[in-house]
């Protein structure tokens, strides 16, 4: 078992420490401290697979140079933090300007990151609090929080709680949010012609992708 370091470290130290070929457990760095990520459920992975496929199909249809890596870190600009988004959409054209991309699969510039998506699990506070603020500070144009199991706090997804997709769009340096439920069509400023509903995303957890 890999032990987390008990003292604050830098992002560079974290990336050097990160275990090679770690498949059983993933890690993030939160404000200098290594945080093990909970193993995903099967439902989580089906929702993730559906989203990845739909976004890549739209990128191919539009012939835009965006890709989704299997694993890539987003480095914070405000703290010693490095996150592993569930979906990290990369602008390939800007990767030449990312000093850590080739060696550590790490990006930190808003021009490299059109979109990130987090599929909510038991550590939902990270998505709604920590990552929301950090992604906004980086200047990531669009951030989706996909809460298919309605795990988030009531102040985020309503009372009574219900499955919700929150799309945060950057407007004059600050995130503005639109929320989608049931048969609502997802509105994405980056992909204005994307034709999927919230319910289609939620149903991906129960039906083959």
C-alpha atoms as a PDB file:
ATOM      1  CA  UNK A   1       0.000   0.000   0.000  1.00  0.00           C
ATOM      2  CA  UNK A   2       1.280   3.444  -0.950  1.00  0.00           C
ATOM      3  CA  UNK A   3       1.435   5.851   1.964  1.00  0.00           C
ATOM      4  CA  UNK A   4       0.506   9.518   1.571  1.00  0.00           C
ATOM      5  CA  UNK A   5       3.082  12.002   2.767  1.00  0.00           C
ATOM      6  CA  UNK A   6       2.018  13.563   6.116  1.00  0.00           C
ATOM      7  CA  UNK A   7       3.432  17.029   5.413  1.00  0.00           C
ATOM      8  CA  UNK A   8       2.521  19.700   2.831  1.00  0.00           C
ATOM      9  CA  UNK A   9       4.316  19.278  -0.480  1.00  0.00           C
ATOM     10  CA  UNK A  10       4.478  21.144  -3.776  1.00  0.00           C
ATOM     11  CA  UNK A  11       2.863  20.109  -7.031  1.00  0.00           C
ATOM     12  CA  UNK A  12       6.305  19.236  -8.417  1.00  0.00           C
ATOM     13  CA  UNK A  13       6.966  16.950  -5.446  1.00  0.00           C
ATOM     14  CA  UNK A  14       3.543  15.356  -5.835  1.00  0.00           C
ATOM     15  CA  UNK A  15       4.055  14.634  -9.531  1.00  0.00           C
ATOM     16  CA  UNK A  16       7.465  13.122  -8.772  1.00  0.00           C
ATOM     17  CA  UNK A  17       5.929  11.036  -5.962  1.00  0.00           C
ATOM     18  CA  UNK A  18       2.909   9.851  -7.925  1.00  0.00           C
ATOM     19  CA  UNK A  19       3.053   6.048  -8.277  1.00  0.00           C
ATOM     20  CA  UNK A  20       3.739   4.782 -11.781  1.00  0.00           C
ATOM     21  CA  UNK A  21       0.974   2.608 -13.264  1.00  0.00           C
ATOM     22  CA  UNK A  22      -1.314   3.186 -10.286  1.00  0.00           C
ATOM     23  CA  UNK A  23      -4.558   1.462 -11.317  1.00  0.00           C
ATOM     24  CA  UNK A  24      -6.078   0.507  -7.970  1.00  0.00           C
ATOM     25  CA  UNK A  25      -6.241   3.989  -6.489  1.00  0.00           C
ATOM     26  CA  UNK A  26      -5.831   7.493  -7.835  1.00  0.00           C
ATOM     27  CA  UNK A  27      -4.601  10.543  -5.955  1.00  0.00           C
ATOM     28  CA  UNK A  28      -4.994  14.307  -6.059  1.00  0.00           C
ATOM     29  CA  UNK A  29      -3.089  17.061  -4.304  1.00  0.00           C
ATOM     30  CA  UNK A  30      -5.303  19.404  -2.279  1.00  0.00           C
ATOM     31  CA  UNK A  31      -3.547  22.473  -0.896  1.00  0.00           C
ATOM     32  CA  UNK A  32      -0.295  20.584  -0.388  1.00  0.00           C
ATOM     33  CA  UNK A  33      -1.744  17.329   0.955  1.00  0.00           C
ATOM     34  CA  UNK A  34      -2.136  14.081  -0.975  1.00  0.00           C
ATOM     35  CA  UNK A  35      -5.714  12.859  -1.074  1.00  0.00           C
ATOM     36  CA  UNK A  36      -6.666   9.307  -2.174  1.00  0.00           C
ATOM     37  CA  UNK A  37      -9.678   9.313  -4.491  1.00  0.00           C
ATOM     38  CA  UNK A  38     -12.507   6.835  -3.781  1.00  0.00           C
ATOM     39  CA  UNK A  39     -12.735   3.988  -6.308  1.00  0.00           C
ATOM     40  CA  UNK A  40     -15.502   4.724  -8.842  1.00  0.00           C
ATOM     41  CA  UNK A  41     -18.699   2.700  -8.963  1.00  0.00           C
ATOM     42  CA  UNK A  42     -19.889   0.974 -12.112  1.00  0.00           C
ATOM     43  CA  UNK A  43     -22.690   3.536 -12.510  1.00  0.00           C
ATOM     44  CA  UNK A  44     -20.172   6.371 -12.261  1.00  0.00           C
ATOM     45  CA  UNK A  45     -18.072   4.811 -15.016  1.00  0.00           C
ATOM     46  CA  UNK A  46     -21.058   4.301 -17.342  1.00  0.00           C
ATOM     47  CA  UNK A  47     -22.074   7.952 -16.994  1.00  0.00           C
ATOM     48  CA  UNK A  48     -18.474   8.951 -17.624  1.00  0.00           C
ATOM     49  CA  UNK A  49     -18.249   6.721 -20.716  1.00  0.00           C
ATOM     50  CA  UNK A  50     -21.450   8.197 -22.153  1.00  0.00           C
ATOM     51  CA  UNK A  51     -20.258  11.779 -21.658  1.00  0.00           C
ATOM     52  CA  UNK A  52     -16.833  11.064 -23.117  1.00  0.00           C
ATOM     53  CA  UNK A  53     -18.325   9.462 -26.208  1.00  0.00           C
ATOM     54  CA  UNK A  54     -20.833  12.260 -26.833  1.00  0.00           C
ATOM     55  CA  UNK A  55     -18.234  15.010 -26.482  1.00  0.00           C
ATOM     56  CA  UNK A  56     -15.669  13.289 -28.681  1.00  0.00           C
ATOM     57  CA  UNK A  57     -18.309  12.675 -31.350  1.00  0.00           C
ATOM     58  CA  UNK A  58     -19.170  16.376 -31.302  1.00  0.00           C
ATOM     59  CA  UNK A  59     -15.495  17.329 -31.547  1.00  0.00           C
ATOM     60  CA  UNK A  60     -15.084  15.014 -34.538  1.00  0.00           C
ATOM     61  CA  UNK A  61     -18.220  16.394 -36.207  1.00  0.00           C
ATOM     62  CA  UNK A  62     -16.960  19.953 -35.808  1.00  0.00           C
ATOM     63  CA  UNK A  63     -13.358  19.038 -36.747  1.00  0.00           C
ATOM     64  CA  UNK A  64     -11.915  20.874 -33.754  1.00  0.00           C
ATOM     65  CA  UNK A  65      -8.553  19.849 -32.238  1.00  0.00           C
ATOM     66  CA  UNK A  66      -9.857  18.749 -28.845  1.00  0.00           C
ATOM     67  CA  UNK A  67      -9.073  15.433 -27.157  1.00  0.00           C
ATOM     68  CA  UNK A  68      -9.808  13.678 -23.866  1.00  0.00           C
ATOM     69  CA  UNK A  69      -6.827  11.884 -22.277  1.00  0.00           C
ATOM     70  CA  UNK A  70      -7.255   8.773 -20.177  1.00  0.00           C
ATOM     71  CA  UNK A  71      -5.658  10.656 -17.295  1.00  0.00           C
ATOM     72  CA  UNK A  72      -4.410  14.206 -16.953  1.00  0.00           C
ATOM     73  CA  UNK A  73      -3.820  16.611 -14.079  1.00  0.00           C
ATOM     74  CA  UNK A  74      -5.066  20.185 -13.832  1.00  0.00           C
ATOM     75  CA  UNK A  75      -2.617  22.256 -11.800  1.00  0.00           C
ATOM     76  CA  UNK A  76      -4.056  25.043  -9.662  1.00  0.00           C
ATOM     77  CA  UNK A  77      -2.818  28.591 -10.142  1.00  0.00           C
ATOM     78  CA  UNK A  78      -3.661  29.613  -6.572  1.00  0.00           C
ATOM     79  CA  UNK A  79      -2.475  26.761  -4.348  1.00  0.00           C
ATOM     80  CA  UNK A  80      -0.316  23.662  -4.309  1.00  0.00           C
ATOM     81  CA  UNK A  81      -3.077  21.538  -5.819  1.00  0.00           C
ATOM     82  CA  UNK A  82      -3.413  19.162  -8.748  1.00  0.00           C
ATOM     83  CA  UNK A  83      -6.740  17.601  -9.718  1.00  0.00           C
ATOM     84  CA  UNK A  84      -7.747  14.640 -11.889  1.00  0.00           C
ATOM     85  CA  UNK A  85     -11.020  15.600 -13.579  1.00  0.00           C
ATOM     86  CA  UNK A  86     -13.334  12.818 -14.697  1.00  0.00           C
ATOM     87  CA  UNK A  87     -13.345  14.456 -18.133  1.00  0.00           C
ATOM     88  CA  UNK A  88     -10.507  16.769 -19.135  1.00  0.00           C
ATOM     89  CA  UNK A  89     -11.043  18.279 -22.573  1.00  0.00           C
ATOM     90  CA  UNK A  90      -7.731  19.420 -24.027  1.00  0.00           C
ATOM     91  CA  UNK A  91      -7.003  21.926 -26.759  1.00  0.00           C
ATOM     92  CA  UNK A  92      -4.136  20.184 -28.517  1.00  0.00           C
ATOM     93  CA  UNK A  93      -2.959  23.408 -30.144  1.00  0.00           C
ATOM     94  CA  UNK A  94      -1.915  24.908 -26.797  1.00  0.00           C
ATOM     95  CA  UNK A  95      -0.141  21.869 -25.349  1.00  0.00           C
ATOM     96  CA  UNK A  96       3.183  23.106 -26.763  1.00  0.00           C
ATOM     97  CA  UNK A  97       2.945  25.900 -24.181  1.00  0.00           C
ATOM     98  CA  UNK A  98       2.425  23.527 -21.248  1.00  0.00           C
ATOM     99  CA  UNK A  99       5.836  22.730 -19.715  1.00  0.00           C
ATOM    100  CA  UNK A 100       4.602  19.683 -17.763  1.00  0.00           C
ATOM    101  CA  UNK A 101       2.377  18.069 -20.359  1.00  0.00           C
ATOM    102  CA  UNK A 102       4.857  15.770 -22.100  1.00  0.00           C
ATOM    103  CA  UNK A 103       6.513  14.461 -18.950  1.00  0.00           C
ATOM    104  CA  UNK A 104       3.732  14.613 -16.330  1.00  0.00           C
ATOM    105  CA  UNK A 105       0.431  14.874 -18.258  1.00  0.00           C
ATOM    106  CA  UNK A 106      -0.275  18.145 -16.435  1.00  0.00           C
ATOM    107  CA  UNK A 107      -1.849  21.373 -17.699  1.00  0.00           C
ATOM    108  CA  UNK A 108      -2.392  24.709 -16.010  1.00  0.00           C
ATOM    109  CA  UNK A 109      -3.343  27.227 -18.715  1.00  0.00           C
ATOM    110  CA  UNK A 110      -6.937  28.102 -19.504  1.00  0.00           C
ATOM    111  CA  UNK A 111      -6.158  28.026 -23.226  1.00  0.00           C
ATOM    112  CA  UNK A 112      -5.419  24.300 -22.879  1.00  0.00           C
ATOM    113  CA  UNK A 113      -8.639  23.458 -21.017  1.00  0.00           C
ATOM    114  CA  UNK A 114     -11.926  24.363 -22.726  1.00  0.00           C
ATOM    115  CA  UNK A 115     -13.982  22.099 -20.450  1.00  0.00           C
ATOM    116  CA  UNK A 116     -13.774  19.901 -17.372  1.00  0.00           C
ATOM    117  CA  UNK A 117     -16.476  17.568 -16.068  1.00  0.00           C
ATOM    118  CA  UNK A 118     -16.751  16.037 -12.625  1.00  0.00           C
ATOM    119  CA  UNK A 119     -19.165  13.140 -12.078  1.00  0.00           C
ATOM    120  CA  UNK A 120     -20.205  13.421  -8.445  1.00  0.00           C
ATOM    121  CA  UNK A 121     -19.417  10.636  -5.986  1.00  0.00           C
ATOM    122  CA  UNK A 122     -19.227  10.488  -2.195  1.00  0.00           C
ATOM    123  CA  UNK A 123     -16.617  13.286  -2.072  1.00  0.00           C
ATOM    124  CA  UNK A 124     -19.140  15.737  -3.560  1.00  0.00           C
ATOM    125  CA  UNK A 125     -17.841  18.692  -1.515  1.00  0.00           C
ATOM    126  CA  UNK A 126     -14.638  18.643  -3.561  1.00  0.00           C
ATOM    127  CA  UNK A 127     -16.630  19.182  -6.764  1.00  0.00           C
ATOM    128  CA  UNK A 128     -18.995  21.878  -5.466  1.00  0.00           C
ATOM    129  CA  UNK A 129     -16.531  23.767  -3.268  1.00  0.00           C
ATOM    130  CA  UNK A 130     -12.821  23.117  -3.838  1.00  0.00           C
ATOM    131  CA  UNK A 131     -12.689  22.437  -7.562  1.00  0.00           C
ATOM    132  CA  UNK A 132     -15.310  24.992  -8.500  1.00  0.00           C
ATOM    133  CA  UNK A 133     -13.216  27.797  -7.040  1.00  0.00           C
ATOM    134  CA  UNK A 134      -9.935  26.522  -8.429  1.00  0.00           C
ATOM    135  CA  UNK A 135     -11.262  25.921 -11.952  1.00  0.00           C
ATOM    136  CA  UNK A 136     -12.746  29.417 -11.951  1.00  0.00           C
ATOM    137  CA  UNK A 137      -9.393  30.896 -10.852  1.00  0.00           C
ATOM    138  CA  UNK A 138      -7.577  29.083 -13.672  1.00  0.00           C
ATOM    139  CA  UNK A 139     -10.084  30.516 -16.132  1.00  0.00           C
ATOM    140  CA  UNK A 140     -11.514  27.256 -17.470  1.00  0.00           C
ATOM    141  CA  UNK A 141     -14.339  28.313 -19.768  1.00  0.00           C
ATOM    142  CA  UNK A 142     -16.812  25.623 -18.828  1.00  0.00           C
ATOM    143  CA  UNK A 143     -17.238  23.256 -15.868  1.00  0.00           C
ATOM    144  CA  UNK A 144     -19.946  20.600 -15.567  1.00  0.00           C
ATOM    145  CA  UNK A 145     -20.926  18.930 -12.307  1.00  0.00           C
ATOM    146  CA  UNK A 146     -22.922  15.794 -13.127  1.00  0.00           C
ATOM    147  CA  UNK A 147     -24.778  14.742  -9.992  1.00  0.00           C
ATOM    148  CA  UNK A 148     -26.656  11.716 -11.372  1.00  0.00           C
ATOM    149  CA  UNK A 149     -27.256  10.185  -7.919  1.00  0.00           C
ATOM    150  CA  UNK A 150     -28.277  13.475  -6.240  1.00  0.00           C
ATOM    151  CA  UNK A 151     -25.482  13.289  -3.676  1.00  0.00           C
ATOM    152  CA  UNK A 152     -24.719  17.004  -3.424  1.00  0.00           C
ATOM    153  CA  UNK A 153     -25.965  19.364  -0.756  1.00  0.00           C
ATOM    154  CA  UNK A 154     -29.499  20.746  -0.976  1.00  0.00           C
ATOM    155  CA  UNK A 155     -28.238  24.286  -1.474  1.00  0.00           C
ATOM    156  CA  UNK A 156     -26.663  23.088  -4.724  1.00  0.00           C
ATOM    157  CA  UNK A 157     -29.300  20.739  -6.179  1.00  0.00           C
ATOM    158  CA  UNK A 158     -32.492  21.765  -4.426  1.00  0.00           C
ATOM    159  CA  UNK A 159     -34.815  20.409  -1.769  1.00  0.00           C
ATOM    160  CA  UNK A 160     -35.934  17.689  -2.213  1.00  0.00           C
ATOM    161  CA  UNK A 161     -32.694  16.608  -3.817  1.00  0.00           C
ATOM    162  CA  UNK A 162     -32.880  15.356  -7.395  1.00  0.00           C
ATOM    163  CA  UNK A 163     -30.376  14.393 -10.093  1.00  0.00           C
ATOM    164  CA  UNK A 164     -28.944  17.600 -11.501  1.00  0.00           C
ATOM    165  CA  UNK A 165     -26.368  18.736 -14.021  1.00  0.00           C
ATOM    166  CA  UNK A 166     -24.827  22.109 -13.212  1.00  0.00           C
ATOM    167  CA  UNK A 167     -23.068  23.844 -16.110  1.00  0.00           C
ATOM    168  CA  UNK A 168     -20.801  26.669 -14.962  1.00  0.00           C
ATOM    169  CA  UNK A 169     -19.751  29.099 -17.706  1.00  0.00           C
ATOM    170  CA  UNK A 170     -17.083  31.752 -17.296  1.00  0.00           C
ATOM    171  CA  UNK A 171     -18.494  35.276 -17.700  1.00  0.00           C
ATOM    172  CA  UNK A 172     -16.101  38.182 -17.090  1.00  0.00           C
ATOM    173  CA  UNK A 173     -13.893  35.983 -14.954  1.00  0.00           C
ATOM    174  CA  UNK A 174     -16.657  34.511 -12.806  1.00  0.00           C
ATOM    175  CA  UNK A 175     -18.763  31.375 -13.146  1.00  0.00           C
ATOM    176  CA  UNK A 176     -22.457  31.666 -13.909  1.00  0.00           C
ATOM    177  CA  UNK A 177     -24.485  28.466 -13.483  1.00  0.00           C
ATOM    178  CA  UNK A 178     -27.381  26.882 -15.343  1.00  0.00           C
ATOM    179  CA  UNK A 179     -28.934  23.674 -14.044  1.00  0.00           C
ATOM    180  CA  UNK A 180     -30.603  20.872 -15.963  1.00  0.00           C
ATOM    181  CA  UNK A 181     -32.884  18.076 -14.787  1.00  0.00           C
ATOM    182  CA  UNK A 182     -35.152  15.384 -16.253  1.00  0.00           C
ATOM    183  CA  UNK A 183     -35.869  16.106 -19.930  1.00  0.00           C
ATOM    184  CA  UNK A 184     -33.995  19.440 -20.045  1.00  0.00           C
ATOM    185  CA  UNK A 185     -31.657  19.772 -22.999  1.00  0.00           C
ATOM    186  CA  UNK A 186     -28.098  20.534 -21.940  1.00  0.00           C
ATOM    187  CA  UNK A 187     -27.006  24.027 -22.959  1.00  0.00           C
ATOM    188  CA  UNK A 188     -23.251  24.238 -23.474  1.00  0.00           C
ATOM    189  CA  UNK A 189     -21.676  27.489 -24.697  1.00  0.00           C
ATOM    190  CA  UNK A 190     -18.710  25.521 -26.038  1.00  0.00           C
ATOM    191  CA  UNK A 191     -20.910  23.006 -27.882  1.00  0.00           C
ATOM    192  CA  UNK A 192     -24.094  24.933 -28.744  1.00  0.00           C
ATOM    193  CA  UNK A 193     -25.347  22.178 -31.045  1.00  0.00           C
ATOM    194  CA  UNK A 194     -24.808  19.341 -28.580  1.00  0.00           C
ATOM    195  CA  UNK A 195     -28.064  17.367 -28.576  1.00  0.00           C
ATOM    196  CA  UNK A 196     -28.392  15.478 -25.293  1.00  0.00           C
ATOM    197  CA  UNK A 197     -30.732  15.757 -22.341  1.00  0.00           C
ATOM    198  CA  UNK A 198     -30.065  15.459 -18.645  1.00  0.00           C
ATOM    199  CA  UNK A 199     -32.154  12.277 -18.535  1.00  0.00           C
ATOM    200  CA  UNK A 200     -30.062  10.628 -21.252  1.00  0.00           C
ATOM    201  CA  UNK A 201     -26.967  11.218 -19.140  1.00  0.00           C
ATOM    202  CA  UNK A 202     -28.649   9.916 -15.982  1.00  0.00           C
ATOM    203  CA  UNK A 203     -29.950   6.806 -17.772  1.00  0.00           C
ATOM    204  CA  UNK A 204     -26.441   5.918 -18.889  1.00  0.00           C
ATOM    205  CA  UNK A 205     -25.939   4.513 -15.386  1.00  0.00           C
ATOM    206  CA  UNK A 206     -28.634   1.905 -16.028  1.00  0.00           C
ATOM    207  CA  UNK A 207     -28.443   1.099 -19.730  1.00  0.00           C
ATOM    208  CA  UNK A 208     -25.601   0.094 -22.067  1.00  0.00           C
ATOM    209  CA  UNK A 209     -23.639   3.005 -23.497  1.00  0.00           C
END
